[in-house]
Amino acid sequence: MFTMLNKLQNYSEQAIQAARYIGQGFIVTLDHMNRLPITIQYPYEKLIPSERFRGRIHFEFDKCIACEVCVRVCPINLPVVDWEFKKKLKKKQLKNYSIDFGVCIFCGNCVEYCPTNCLSMTEEYELSIYDRHDLNYDQIALGRLPISVIEDSTIQTISNLNYLFEGNIKSYSNLKNITNFLD
């Protein structure tokens, strides 16, 4: 008799726990059904990239000492550094520098380890091109600074998505209260 009561008690506890899990899942589903769609009209609206965003690499030719640290730390040995040794100056002189962004994985190692800070990451992420060979940037193309998303007057910038979530914060706090109540 006692074992039967224990089994019945365990069964009822498991049924209540299962009902809680189903209720929590149902509440999450209802919460997502109440949300507005989050759509950014891309060419006309753009999100402002975060400050640690790793976009296209910017290169300053005058600062480079042709040490090739960027090539050594690159996981795929990507930057092509062409230099010649000047015997009179006993120093390397940089002739050409190029990076193929069709192959680059945007890890940022070259920027991080550059001793002269001649490399930096920009916020430019629009690198789509019809011919992949056009993604091979030389020192002239790498030296051009992109137009900042903030400075571009033709597009509306969206700094964060908080305005889209304002209505959902209230529903999230209600969801949290209901979930706590079910526990």
N, C-alpha and C. Protein backbone atom coordinates (compact mmCIF):
# COMPACT_ATOMS: atom_id res chain seq x y z
N MET A 1 0.83 -1.20 0.00
CA MET A 1 0.00 0.00 0.00
C MET A 1 0.87 1.26 0.00
N PHE A 2 1.93 1.22 0.86
CA PHE A 2 2.81 2.38 0.95
C PHE A 2 3.57 2.60 -0.36
N THR A 3 4.03 1.54 -1.01
CA THR A 3 4.75 1.66 -2.29
C THR A 3 3.82 2.18 -3.38
N MET A 4 2.58 1.79 -3.32
CA MET A 4 1.62 2.26 -4.31
C MET A 4 1.37 3.76 -4.16
N LEU A 5 1.31 4.25 -2.92
CA LEU A 5 1.14 5.68 -2.69
C LEU A 5 2.37 6.46 -3.16
N ASN A 6 3.57 5.88 -2.92
CA ASN A 6 4.80 6.53 -3.40
C ASN A 6 4.82 6.62 -4.92
N LYS A 7 4.42 5.55 -5.60
CA LYS A 7 4.38 5.55 -7.06
C LYS A 7 3.37 6.57 -7.57
N LEU A 8 2.22 6.65 -6.91
CA LEU A 8 1.20 7.61 -7.30
C LEU A 8 1.69 9.05 -7.08
N GLN A 9 2.40 9.27 -5.99
CA GLN A 9 2.93 10.59 -5.70
C GLN A 9 4.00 10.97 -6.73
N ASN A 10 4.90 10.04 -7.06
CA ASN A 10 5.93 10.29 -8.08
C ASN A 10 5.30 10.57 -9.44
N TYR A 11 4.28 9.81 -9.77
CA TYR A 11 3.59 10.00 -11.04
C TYR A 11 2.94 11.38 -11.11
N SER A 12 2.31 11.81 -10.03
CA SER A 12 1.65 13.11 -10.02
C SER A 12 2.68 14.24 -10.07
N GLU A 13 3.83 14.07 -9.40
CA GLU A 13 4.89 15.08 -9.47
C GLU A 13 5.44 15.20 -10.89
N GLN A 14 5.63 14.08 -11.54
CA GLN A 14 6.13 14.08 -12.91
C GLN A 14 5.11 14.72 -13.86
N ALA A 15 3.82 14.45 -13.63
CA ALA A 15 2.78 15.03 -14.48
C ALA A 15 2.73 16.55 -14.29
N ILE A 16 2.88 17.00 -13.05
CA ILE A 16 2.88 18.44 -12.79
C ILE A 16 4.10 19.10 -13.43
N GLN A 17 5.27 18.45 -13.32
CA GLN A 17 6.49 18.98 -13.93
C GLN A 17 6.35 19.05 -15.45
N ALA A 18 5.78 18.03 -16.05
CA ALA A 18 5.57 18.02 -17.49
C ALA A 18 4.62 19.14 -17.90
N ALA A 19 3.57 19.36 -17.10
CA ALA A 19 2.62 20.44 -17.39
C ALA A 19 3.32 21.81 -17.30
N ARG A 20 4.24 21.97 -16.33
CA ARG A 20 5.01 23.21 -16.22
C ARG A 20 5.85 23.43 -17.47
N TYR A 21 6.56 22.40 -17.91
CA TYR A 21 7.40 22.52 -19.11
C TYR A 21 6.56 22.87 -20.33
N ILE A 22 5.43 22.23 -20.47
CA ILE A 22 4.55 22.52 -21.60
C ILE A 22 4.03 23.95 -21.50
N GLY A 23 3.68 24.39 -20.30
CA GLY A 23 3.20 25.76 -20.08
C GLY A 23 4.28 26.78 -20.39
N GLN A 24 5.52 26.51 -19.96
CA GLN A 24 6.62 27.44 -20.26
C GLN A 24 6.85 27.54 -21.77
N GLY A 25 6.85 26.41 -22.45
CA GLY A 25 7.02 26.42 -23.90
C GLY A 25 5.90 27.15 -24.60
N PHE A 26 4.69 26.96 -24.13
CA PHE A 26 3.53 27.64 -24.71
C PHE A 26 3.62 29.16 -24.51
N ILE A 27 4.10 29.58 -23.34
CA ILE A 27 4.24 31.01 -23.06
C ILE A 27 5.30 31.62 -23.97
N VAL A 28 6.42 30.92 -24.17
CA VAL A 28 7.46 31.41 -25.08
C VAL A 28 6.91 31.53 -26.49
N THR A 29 6.14 30.54 -26.91
CA THR A 29 5.53 30.58 -28.24
C THR A 29 4.59 31.76 -28.37
N LEU A 30 3.75 32.01 -27.37
CA LEU A 30 2.85 33.15 -27.42
C LEU A 30 3.62 34.46 -27.43
N ASP A 31 4.71 34.52 -26.67
CA ASP A 31 5.54 35.73 -26.65
C ASP A 31 6.11 36.02 -28.04
N HIS A 32 6.59 35.01 -28.73
CA HIS A 32 7.15 35.20 -30.06
C HIS A 32 6.06 35.55 -31.08
N MET A 33 4.86 35.08 -30.86
CA MET A 33 3.76 35.40 -31.78
C MET A 33 3.38 36.87 -31.67
N ASN A 34 3.58 37.49 -30.50
CA ASN A 34 3.21 38.88 -30.28
C ASN A 34 4.26 39.86 -30.79
N ARG A 35 5.46 39.39 -31.14
CA ARG A 35 6.53 40.29 -31.58
C ARG A 35 6.30 40.77 -33.00
N LEU A 36 6.75 41.99 -33.21
CA LEU A 36 6.71 42.55 -34.56
C LEU A 36 7.89 42.01 -35.35
N PRO A 37 7.78 41.91 -36.65
CA PRO A 37 8.93 41.46 -37.45
C PRO A 37 10.04 42.51 -37.40
N ILE A 38 11.26 42.04 -37.34
CA ILE A 38 12.42 42.93 -37.31
C ILE A 38 13.01 42.93 -38.71
N THR A 39 12.77 43.99 -39.43
CA THR A 39 13.26 44.09 -40.79
C THR A 39 13.96 45.42 -40.96
N ILE A 40 15.15 45.36 -41.53
CA ILE A 40 15.89 46.58 -41.85
C ILE A 40 15.89 46.69 -43.37
N GLN A 41 15.45 47.81 -43.87
CA GLN A 41 15.40 48.03 -45.31
C GLN A 41 16.82 48.34 -45.78
N TYR A 42 17.58 47.28 -46.08
CA TYR A 42 19.03 47.34 -46.19
C TYR A 42 19.65 48.47 -47.01
N PRO A 43 19.38 48.63 -48.25
CA PRO A 43 20.20 49.67 -48.90
C PRO A 43 19.93 51.06 -48.35
N TYR A 44 18.74 51.26 -47.78
CA TYR A 44 18.36 52.58 -47.30
C TYR A 44 18.56 52.75 -45.81
N GLU A 45 18.56 51.66 -45.08
CA GLU A 45 18.83 51.67 -43.65
C GLU A 45 19.98 50.71 -43.38
N LYS A 46 20.90 51.14 -42.54
CA LYS A 46 22.03 50.27 -42.19
C LYS A 46 22.27 50.33 -40.70
N LEU A 47 22.66 49.20 -40.16
CA LEU A 47 23.07 49.17 -38.76
C LEU A 47 24.47 49.72 -38.65
N ILE A 48 24.74 50.44 -37.58
CA ILE A 48 26.09 50.93 -37.33
C ILE A 48 26.89 49.77 -36.75
N PRO A 49 28.00 49.42 -37.37
CA PRO A 49 28.80 48.31 -36.84
C PRO A 49 29.37 48.65 -35.47
N SER A 50 29.60 47.62 -34.67
CA SER A 50 30.17 47.85 -33.34
C SER A 50 31.60 48.32 -33.47
N GLU A 51 32.15 48.85 -32.39
CA GLU A 51 33.50 49.39 -32.46
C GLU A 51 34.56 48.31 -32.68
N ARG A 52 34.25 47.08 -32.36
CA ARG A 52 35.21 45.99 -32.56
C ARG A 52 34.94 45.22 -33.86
N PHE A 53 34.15 45.78 -34.75
CA PHE A 53 33.80 45.14 -36.01
C PHE A 53 35.05 44.99 -36.87
N ARG A 54 35.18 43.84 -37.50
CA ARG A 54 36.34 43.58 -38.36
C ARG A 54 35.92 43.61 -39.81
N GLY A 55 36.07 44.76 -40.43
CA GLY A 55 35.74 44.91 -41.84
C GLY A 55 36.99 44.89 -42.70
N ARG A 56 36.92 45.60 -43.82
CA ARG A 56 38.06 45.66 -44.74
C ARG A 56 39.26 46.28 -44.05
N ILE A 57 40.44 45.86 -44.45
CA ILE A 57 41.68 46.35 -43.85
C ILE A 57 42.12 47.63 -44.56
N HIS A 58 42.53 48.61 -43.78
CA HIS A 58 43.08 49.86 -44.29
C HIS A 58 44.59 49.79 -44.10
N PHE A 59 45.34 50.22 -45.11
CA PHE A 59 46.80 50.12 -45.09
C PHE A 59 47.41 51.49 -45.33
N GLU A 60 48.40 51.87 -44.51
CA GLU A 60 49.12 53.12 -44.68
C GLU A 60 50.53 52.80 -45.17
N PHE A 61 50.78 53.09 -46.42
CA PHE A 61 52.02 52.72 -47.10
C PHE A 61 53.24 53.36 -46.44
N ASP A 62 53.13 54.59 -46.01
CA ASP A 62 54.28 55.31 -45.46
C ASP A 62 54.76 54.76 -44.13
N LYS A 63 53.88 54.15 -43.37
CA LYS A 63 54.26 53.60 -42.06
C LYS A 63 54.89 52.22 -42.13
N CYS A 64 54.66 51.49 -43.22
CA CYS A 64 55.09 50.10 -43.31
C CYS A 64 56.61 50.00 -43.43
N ILE A 65 57.22 49.10 -42.66
CA ILE A 65 58.66 48.88 -42.69
C ILE A 65 59.01 47.55 -43.35
N ALA A 66 58.07 46.91 -43.97
CA ALA A 66 58.25 45.63 -44.69
C ALA A 66 58.84 44.54 -43.79
N CYS A 67 58.39 44.49 -42.57
CA CYS A 67 58.90 43.47 -41.63
C CYS A 67 58.27 42.10 -41.87
N GLU A 68 57.14 42.05 -42.55
CA GLU A 68 56.41 40.84 -42.89
C GLU A 68 55.84 40.10 -41.68
N VAL A 69 55.65 40.78 -40.59
CA VAL A 69 55.00 40.18 -39.42
C VAL A 69 53.57 39.81 -39.77
N CYS A 70 52.92 40.64 -40.56
CA CYS A 70 51.53 40.37 -40.95
C CYS A 70 51.42 39.06 -41.72
N VAL A 71 52.41 38.76 -42.53
CA VAL A 71 52.38 37.51 -43.30
C VAL A 71 52.61 36.32 -42.38
N ARG A 72 53.50 36.47 -41.41
CA ARG A 72 53.81 35.37 -40.50
C ARG A 72 52.68 35.04 -39.54
N VAL A 73 51.91 36.04 -39.12
CA VAL A 73 50.83 35.76 -38.17
C VAL A 73 49.52 35.42 -38.87
N CYS A 74 49.45 35.64 -40.17
CA CYS A 74 48.23 35.32 -40.91
C CYS A 74 48.08 33.81 -41.02
N PRO A 75 46.90 33.26 -40.66
CA PRO A 75 46.71 31.81 -40.73
C PRO A 75 46.84 31.25 -42.15
N ILE A 76 46.65 32.09 -43.16
CA ILE A 76 46.74 31.61 -44.54
C ILE A 76 47.83 32.32 -45.33
N ASN A 77 48.76 33.00 -44.66
CA ASN A 77 49.87 33.72 -45.30
C ASN A 77 49.38 34.62 -46.43
N LEU A 78 48.38 35.42 -46.12
CA LEU A 78 47.68 36.15 -47.17
C LEU A 78 48.35 37.41 -47.66
N PRO A 79 48.76 38.35 -46.82
CA PRO A 79 49.31 39.59 -47.39
C PRO A 79 50.54 39.29 -48.23
N VAL A 80 50.58 39.92 -49.39
CA VAL A 80 51.74 39.79 -50.27
C VAL A 80 52.57 41.06 -50.13
N VAL A 81 53.78 40.90 -49.58
CA VAL A 81 54.65 42.03 -49.34
C VAL A 81 55.83 41.91 -50.30
N ASP A 82 55.98 42.89 -51.15
CA ASP A 82 57.08 42.92 -52.12
C ASP A 82 58.00 44.08 -51.74
N TRP A 83 59.24 43.77 -51.44
CA TRP A 83 60.18 44.79 -50.99
C TRP A 83 61.54 44.55 -51.63
N GLU A 84 62.39 45.56 -51.54
CA GLU A 84 63.78 45.40 -51.98
C GLU A 84 64.69 45.99 -50.91
N PHE A 85 65.87 45.44 -50.82
CA PHE A 85 66.83 45.89 -49.81
C PHE A 85 67.70 47.00 -50.40
N LYS A 86 67.72 48.13 -49.73
CA LYS A 86 68.55 49.27 -50.13
C LYS A 86 69.87 49.18 -49.37
N LYS A 87 70.95 48.91 -50.10
CA LYS A 87 72.25 48.71 -49.46
C LYS A 87 72.78 49.99 -48.83
N LYS A 88 72.54 51.12 -49.48
CA LYS A 88 73.05 52.39 -48.95
C LYS A 88 72.41 52.72 -47.61
N LEU A 89 71.12 52.48 -47.51
CA LEU A 89 70.40 52.77 -46.27
C LEU A 89 70.43 51.61 -45.29
N LYS A 90 70.83 50.43 -45.79
CA LYS A 90 70.79 49.19 -45.01
C LYS A 90 69.39 48.98 -44.43
N LYS A 91 68.43 49.06 -45.32
CA LYS A 91 67.04 49.03 -44.89
C LYS A 91 66.18 48.48 -46.01
N LYS A 92 65.08 47.81 -45.65
CA LYS A 92 64.12 47.34 -46.64
C LYS A 92 63.26 48.51 -47.10
N GLN A 93 62.94 48.49 -48.39
CA GLN A 93 62.01 49.49 -48.91
C GLN A 93 60.84 48.76 -49.55
N LEU A 94 59.65 49.10 -49.12
CA LEU A 94 58.43 48.46 -49.60
C LEU A 94 58.13 48.91 -51.03
N LYS A 95 57.87 47.94 -51.89
CA LYS A 95 57.50 48.24 -53.28
C LYS A 95 55.99 48.06 -53.48
N ASN A 96 55.46 46.91 -53.09
CA ASN A 96 54.04 46.61 -53.26
C ASN A 96 53.51 45.88 -52.04
N TYR A 97 52.23 46.09 -51.79
CA TYR A 97 51.55 45.40 -50.69
C TYR A 97 50.14 45.11 -51.17
N SER A 98 49.69 43.86 -51.03
CA SER A 98 48.32 43.55 -51.48
C SER A 98 47.70 42.47 -50.59
N ILE A 99 46.38 42.51 -50.53
CA ILE A 99 45.60 41.53 -49.79
C ILE A 99 44.42 41.13 -50.66
N ASP A 100 44.18 39.84 -50.74
CA ASP A 100 43.04 39.33 -51.51
C ASP A 100 41.89 39.07 -50.53
N PHE A 101 40.87 39.92 -50.57
CA PHE A 101 39.75 39.79 -49.63
C PHE A 101 38.80 38.66 -50.01
N GLY A 102 39.00 38.05 -51.15
CA GLY A 102 38.24 36.86 -51.50
C GLY A 102 38.71 35.65 -50.70
N VAL A 103 39.92 35.73 -50.15
CA VAL A 103 40.50 34.64 -49.37
C VAL A 103 40.59 35.00 -47.89
N CYS A 104 40.67 36.28 -47.58
CA CYS A 104 40.86 36.76 -46.21
C CYS A 104 39.72 36.27 -45.30
N ILE A 105 40.08 35.85 -44.10
CA ILE A 105 39.07 35.39 -43.14
C ILE A 105 38.77 36.45 -42.08
N PHE A 106 39.33 37.64 -42.23
CA PHE A 106 39.07 38.79 -41.36
C PHE A 106 39.31 38.46 -39.89
N CYS A 107 40.40 37.75 -39.62
CA CYS A 107 40.72 37.38 -38.24
C CYS A 107 41.32 38.55 -37.47
N GLY A 108 41.96 39.49 -38.14
CA GLY A 108 42.52 40.66 -37.49
C GLY A 108 43.91 40.46 -36.91
N ASN A 109 44.53 39.31 -37.14
CA ASN A 109 45.87 39.07 -36.60
C ASN A 109 46.89 40.04 -37.18
N CYS A 110 46.79 40.33 -38.47
CA CYS A 110 47.75 41.25 -39.11
C CYS A 110 47.68 42.63 -38.46
N VAL A 111 46.49 43.08 -38.14
CA VAL A 111 46.30 44.39 -37.53
C VAL A 111 46.82 44.38 -36.10
N GLU A 112 46.55 43.31 -35.39
CA GLU A 112 46.93 43.23 -33.99
C GLU A 112 48.44 43.18 -33.79
N TYR A 113 49.15 42.48 -34.66
CA TYR A 113 50.58 42.27 -34.46
C TYR A 113 51.46 43.23 -35.24
N CYS A 114 50.90 44.13 -36.02
CA CYS A 114 51.70 45.07 -36.81
C CYS A 114 52.45 46.01 -35.86
N PRO A 115 53.79 46.04 -35.93
CA PRO A 115 54.55 46.87 -34.98
C PRO A 115 54.43 48.37 -35.24
N THR A 116 54.11 48.78 -36.46
CA THR A 116 54.03 50.21 -36.78
C THR A 116 52.60 50.71 -36.90
N ASN A 117 51.64 49.87 -36.66
CA ASN A 117 50.21 50.23 -36.77
C ASN A 117 49.86 50.80 -38.14
N CYS A 118 50.44 50.22 -39.18
CA CYS A 118 50.10 50.68 -40.53
C CYS A 118 48.85 49.98 -41.05
N LEU A 119 48.37 48.97 -40.34
CA LEU A 119 47.14 48.27 -40.72
C LEU A 119 46.05 48.56 -39.69
N SER A 120 44.84 48.72 -40.17
CA SER A 120 43.71 48.90 -39.26
C SER A 120 42.46 48.32 -39.92
N MET A 121 41.49 47.96 -39.11
CA MET A 121 40.23 47.43 -39.61
C MET A 121 39.25 48.58 -39.76
N THR A 122 38.54 48.60 -40.87
CA THR A 122 37.52 49.62 -41.10
C THR A 122 36.14 49.00 -40.86
N GLU A 123 35.12 49.82 -40.97
CA GLU A 123 33.76 49.32 -40.80
C GLU A 123 33.13 48.93 -42.13
N GLU A 124 33.93 48.90 -43.20
CA GLU A 124 33.40 48.57 -44.52
C GLU A 124 33.17 47.07 -44.64
N TYR A 125 31.95 46.69 -44.95
CA TYR A 125 31.61 45.28 -45.08
C TYR A 125 30.98 44.95 -46.42
N GLU A 126 30.76 45.92 -47.24
CA GLU A 126 30.14 45.70 -48.55
C GLU A 126 31.22 45.42 -49.58
N LEU A 127 31.65 44.18 -49.68
CA LEU A 127 32.72 43.80 -50.58
C LEU A 127 32.20 42.89 -51.70
N SER A 128 30.93 42.96 -52.00
CA SER A 128 30.40 42.08 -53.03
C SER A 128 30.78 42.62 -54.41
N ILE A 129 31.25 41.70 -55.25
CA ILE A 129 31.74 42.05 -56.58
C ILE A 129 31.37 40.91 -57.53
N TYR A 130 31.23 41.21 -58.80
CA TYR A 130 30.91 40.18 -59.79
C TYR A 130 32.11 39.30 -60.13
N ASP A 131 33.30 39.85 -60.13
CA ASP A 131 34.51 39.10 -60.45
C ASP A 131 35.37 38.99 -59.20
N ARG A 132 35.66 37.80 -58.76
CA ARG A 132 36.39 37.61 -57.50
C ARG A 132 37.81 38.14 -57.56
N HIS A 133 38.36 38.30 -58.75
CA HIS A 133 39.72 38.83 -58.89
C HIS A 133 39.78 40.32 -58.55
N ASP A 134 38.63 40.97 -58.57
CA ASP A 134 38.59 42.38 -58.18
C ASP A 134 38.70 42.58 -56.68
N LEU A 135 38.65 41.50 -55.91
CA LEU A 135 38.81 41.60 -54.46
C LEU A 135 40.28 41.61 -54.04
N ASN A 136 41.19 41.51 -54.99
CA ASN A 136 42.62 41.60 -54.69
C ASN A 136 43.00 43.07 -54.66
N TYR A 137 43.16 43.63 -53.47
CA TYR A 137 43.41 45.04 -53.28
C TYR A 137 44.91 45.29 -53.18
N ASP A 138 45.42 46.27 -53.92
CA ASP A 138 46.82 46.66 -53.79
C ASP A 138 46.92 47.79 -52.77
N GLN A 139 48.14 48.35 -52.62
CA GLN A 139 48.32 49.37 -51.58
C GLN A 139 47.52 50.63 -51.84
N ILE A 140 47.19 50.90 -53.09
CA ILE A 140 46.38 52.09 -53.40
C ILE A 140 44.94 51.87 -52.96
N ALA A 141 44.38 50.72 -53.31
CA ALA A 141 42.99 50.43 -52.91
C ALA A 141 42.88 50.25 -51.40
N LEU A 142 43.92 49.66 -50.78
CA LEU A 142 43.90 49.50 -49.33
C LEU A 142 44.05 50.83 -48.60
N GLY A 143 44.65 51.80 -49.27
CA GLY A 143 44.87 53.10 -48.64
C GLY A 143 43.64 53.99 -48.62
N ARG A 144 42.64 53.66 -49.43
CA ARG A 144 41.42 54.47 -49.45
C ARG A 144 40.58 54.20 -48.21
N LEU A 145 40.19 55.26 -47.55
CA LEU A 145 39.29 55.10 -46.40
C LEU A 145 37.85 55.07 -46.89
N PRO A 146 37.03 54.14 -46.38
CA PRO A 146 35.63 54.08 -46.81
C PRO A 146 34.83 55.21 -46.20
N ILE A 147 33.69 55.50 -46.80
CA ILE A 147 32.76 56.48 -46.23
C ILE A 147 32.11 55.82 -45.02
N SER A 148 32.13 56.51 -43.92
CA SER A 148 31.55 55.98 -42.69
C SER A 148 30.03 55.89 -42.84
N VAL A 149 29.46 54.88 -42.23
CA VAL A 149 28.01 54.69 -42.28
C VAL A 149 27.32 55.89 -41.61
N ILE A 150 27.92 56.42 -40.59
CA ILE A 150 27.33 57.55 -39.87
C ILE A 150 27.36 58.81 -40.72
N GLU A 151 28.44 59.00 -41.50
CA GLU A 151 28.59 60.21 -42.29
C GLU A 151 27.81 60.18 -43.60
N ASP A 152 27.37 59.03 -44.04
CA ASP A 152 26.65 58.93 -45.31
C ASP A 152 25.24 59.48 -45.14
N SER A 153 24.96 60.55 -45.83
CA SER A 153 23.66 61.22 -45.66
C SER A 153 22.55 60.55 -46.46
N THR A 154 22.88 59.65 -47.35
CA THR A 154 21.85 59.03 -48.19
C THR A 154 21.13 57.88 -47.49
N ILE A 155 21.66 57.42 -46.36
CA ILE A 155 21.04 56.29 -45.67
C ILE A 155 20.69 56.67 -44.24
N GLN A 156 19.72 55.98 -43.73
CA GLN A 156 19.32 56.16 -42.34
C GLN A 156 20.07 55.13 -41.51
N THR A 157 20.77 55.58 -40.48
CA THR A 157 21.53 54.66 -39.65
C THR A 157 20.68 54.24 -38.45
N ILE A 158 20.86 53.02 -38.06
CA ILE A 158 20.17 52.47 -36.90
C ILE A 158 21.24 52.02 -35.93
N SER A 159 21.39 52.76 -34.82
CA SER A 159 22.49 52.46 -33.90
C SER A 159 22.25 51.16 -33.14
N ASN A 160 21.02 50.91 -32.76
CA ASN A 160 20.71 49.64 -32.09
C ASN A 160 19.26 49.28 -32.36
N LEU A 161 18.91 48.11 -31.96
CA LEU A 161 17.56 47.63 -32.23
C LEU A 161 16.64 47.78 -31.03
N ASN A 162 17.00 48.62 -30.08
CA ASN A 162 16.18 48.76 -28.87
C ASN A 162 14.78 49.28 -29.18
N TYR A 163 14.68 50.15 -30.17
CA TYR A 163 13.35 50.68 -30.47
C TYR A 163 12.42 49.59 -30.97
N LEU A 164 12.97 48.54 -31.55
CA LEU A 164 12.14 47.43 -32.01
C LEU A 164 11.71 46.53 -30.85
N PHE A 165 12.53 46.53 -29.80
CA PHE A 165 12.27 45.62 -28.70
C PHE A 165 11.54 46.26 -27.53
N GLU A 166 11.22 47.55 -27.59
CA GLU A 166 10.59 48.23 -26.46
C GLU A 166 9.30 47.55 -26.02
N GLY A 167 8.49 47.15 -26.96
CA GLY A 167 7.24 46.47 -26.62
C GLY A 167 7.49 45.08 -26.10
N ASN A 168 8.59 44.47 -26.50
CA ASN A 168 8.88 43.11 -26.09
C ASN A 168 9.49 43.03 -24.70
N ILE A 169 10.07 44.14 -24.20
CA ILE A 169 10.64 44.13 -22.85
C ILE A 169 9.53 43.93 -21.84
N LYS A 170 8.39 44.58 -22.05
CA LYS A 170 7.26 44.42 -21.13
C LYS A 170 6.74 42.99 -21.19
N SER A 171 6.63 42.45 -22.39
CA SER A 171 6.13 41.08 -22.50
C SER A 171 7.14 40.09 -21.94
N TYR A 172 8.45 40.42 -22.04
CA TYR A 172 9.47 39.54 -21.46
C TYR A 172 9.38 39.53 -19.94
N SER A 173 9.15 40.72 -19.32
CA SER A 173 9.03 40.75 -17.87
C SER A 173 7.77 40.01 -17.44
N ASN A 174 6.68 40.12 -18.21
CA ASN A 174 5.47 39.35 -17.90
C ASN A 174 5.73 37.86 -18.04
N LEU A 175 6.47 37.48 -19.08
CA LEU A 175 6.83 36.08 -19.30
C LEU A 175 7.65 35.57 -18.12
N LYS A 176 8.58 36.40 -17.66
CA LYS A 176 9.44 36.00 -16.54
C LYS A 176 8.59 35.79 -15.28
N ASN A 177 7.64 36.69 -15.04
CA ASN A 177 6.77 36.55 -13.87
C ASN A 177 5.93 35.29 -13.95
N ILE A 178 5.39 35.00 -15.11
CA ILE A 178 4.56 33.80 -15.28
C ILE A 178 5.41 32.55 -15.11
N THR A 179 6.63 32.58 -15.66
CA THR A 179 7.53 31.42 -15.53
C THR A 179 7.89 31.18 -14.07
N ASN A 180 8.16 32.28 -13.33
CA ASN A 180 8.44 32.14 -11.90
C ASN A 180 7.23 31.59 -11.15
N PHE A 181 6.04 32.01 -11.57
CA PHE A 181 4.84 31.54 -10.93
C PHE A 181 4.66 30.03 -11.16
N LEU A 182 4.99 29.58 -12.39
CA LEU A 182 4.85 28.16 -12.67
C LEU A 182 5.84 27.31 -11.90
N ASP A 183 6.99 27.88 -11.59
CA ASP A 183 7.99 27.11 -10.81
C ASP A 183 7.55 27.06 -9.38
